[in-house]
């Protein structure tokens, strides 16, 4: 019988948090602020915690997304034309 791999929830959170914090984010197209975040959809414990602690992670309960990016300064969603997808795998 195959063994299931175990994981440490705290380590998973720390790894994902670190990836988002390293992510290059575009400036806001409305106000030019550099305080922007990747927009993600789906409510689970891990995403709720990321949304509460990571300024580069904007969580929505369900889709569709009003934009790929969110500005923490002016509180607007926006897209960057012709950008490559950076989504949840920064």
Protein backbone atom coordinates (compact mmCIF):
# COMPACT_ATOMS: atom_id res chain seq x y z
CA UNK A 1 0.00 0.00 0.00
CA UNK A 2 1.33 3.46 -0.91
CA UNK A 3 2.19 5.90 1.85
CA UNK A 4 0.69 9.36 1.79
CA UNK A 5 3.12 12.24 1.95
CA UNK A 6 2.60 14.37 5.01
CA UNK A 7 3.13 18.11 5.07
CA UNK A 8 3.46 20.78 7.64
CA UNK A 9 0.67 23.36 7.17
CA UNK A 10 2.83 26.14 8.58
CA UNK A 11 5.63 25.34 6.14
CA UNK A 12 3.19 25.29 3.21
CA UNK A 13 1.88 28.70 4.27
CA UNK A 14 5.41 30.10 4.68
CA UNK A 15 6.46 28.82 1.23
CA UNK A 16 3.43 30.33 -0.53
CA UNK A 17 3.74 33.59 1.42
CA UNK A 18 7.42 33.88 0.42
CA UNK A 19 6.59 33.26 -3.26
CA UNK A 20 3.98 36.02 -3.28
CA UNK A 21 6.27 38.44 -1.47
CA UNK A 22 9.02 37.84 -4.06
CA UNK A 23 6.58 38.33 -6.93
CA UNK A 24 7.13 41.36 -9.16
CA UNK A 25 3.89 43.33 -9.27
CA UNK A 26 3.02 46.03 -11.80
CA UNK A 27 2.25 49.60 -10.76
CA UNK A 28 -1.40 50.60 -10.67
CA UNK A 29 -2.71 51.85 -14.00
CA UNK A 30 -4.99 54.33 -12.18
CA UNK A 31 -2.75 55.98 -9.55
CA UNK A 32 0.75 54.60 -10.36
CA UNK A 33 1.16 53.12 -6.85
CA UNK A 34 3.57 50.19 -6.48
CA UNK A 35 1.43 48.73 -3.67
CA UNK A 36 -0.49 46.24 -5.81
CA UNK A 37 -1.56 42.62 -5.43
CA UNK A 38 -2.35 39.55 -7.49
CA UNK A 39 -6.09 38.79 -7.41
CA UNK A 40 -7.00 35.24 -6.37
CA UNK A 41 -10.39 33.54 -5.99
CA UNK A 42 -11.49 30.94 -3.44
CA UNK A 43 -12.04 30.91 0.30
CA UNK A 44 -10.16 28.30 2.31
CA UNK A 45 -8.21 28.66 5.52
CA UNK A 46 -4.87 29.11 3.78
CA UNK A 47 -6.11 31.81 1.38
CA UNK A 48 -7.85 33.69 4.18
CA UNK A 49 -4.61 33.75 6.15
CA UNK A 50 -2.61 34.87 3.10
CA UNK A 51 -5.08 37.68 2.41
CA UNK A 52 -4.77 38.88 6.00
CA UNK A 53 -0.96 38.87 6.04
CA UNK A 54 0.36 39.35 2.49
CA UNK A 55 0.00 42.74 0.77
CA UNK A 56 0.58 41.13 -2.65
CA UNK A 57 -2.39 38.75 -2.32
CA UNK A 58 -5.97 40.02 -2.85
CA UNK A 59 -8.68 37.43 -2.13
CA UNK A 60 -12.18 37.33 -3.59
CA UNK A 61 -14.82 34.85 -2.43
CA UNK A 62 -15.79 33.85 -5.95
CA UNK A 63 -15.23 34.87 -9.57
CA UNK A 64 -15.08 36.10 -12.11
CA UNK A 65 -12.17 38.36 -11.24
CA UNK A 66 -12.84 42.06 -11.94
CA UNK A 67 -9.15 42.37 -12.82
CA UNK A 68 -5.93 40.40 -12.57
CA UNK A 69 -4.37 43.00 -10.25
CA UNK A 70 -5.61 45.12 -7.34
CA UNK A 71 -4.26 48.43 -6.07
CA UNK A 72 -3.98 48.61 -2.28
CA UNK A 73 -3.78 52.43 -2.47
CA UNK A 74 -6.75 53.44 -4.64
CA UNK A 75 -8.66 50.15 -4.11
CA UNK A 76 -9.24 49.54 -7.86
CA UNK A 77 -8.85 46.40 -9.94
CA UNK A 78 -6.88 46.57 -13.18
CA UNK A 79 -5.30 44.53 -15.97
CA UNK A 80 -2.07 45.01 -17.87
CA UNK A 81 -2.56 44.45 -21.62
CA UNK A 82 -0.48 41.64 -23.15
CA UNK A 83 1.20 40.51 -19.94
CA UNK A 84 2.16 36.93 -19.30
CA UNK A 85 0.20 35.11 -16.63
CA UNK A 86 1.81 35.31 -13.16
CA UNK A 87 -1.29 34.23 -11.19
CA UNK A 88 -0.86 31.89 -8.26
CA UNK A 89 2.58 30.63 -9.30
CA UNK A 90 4.79 33.67 -8.77
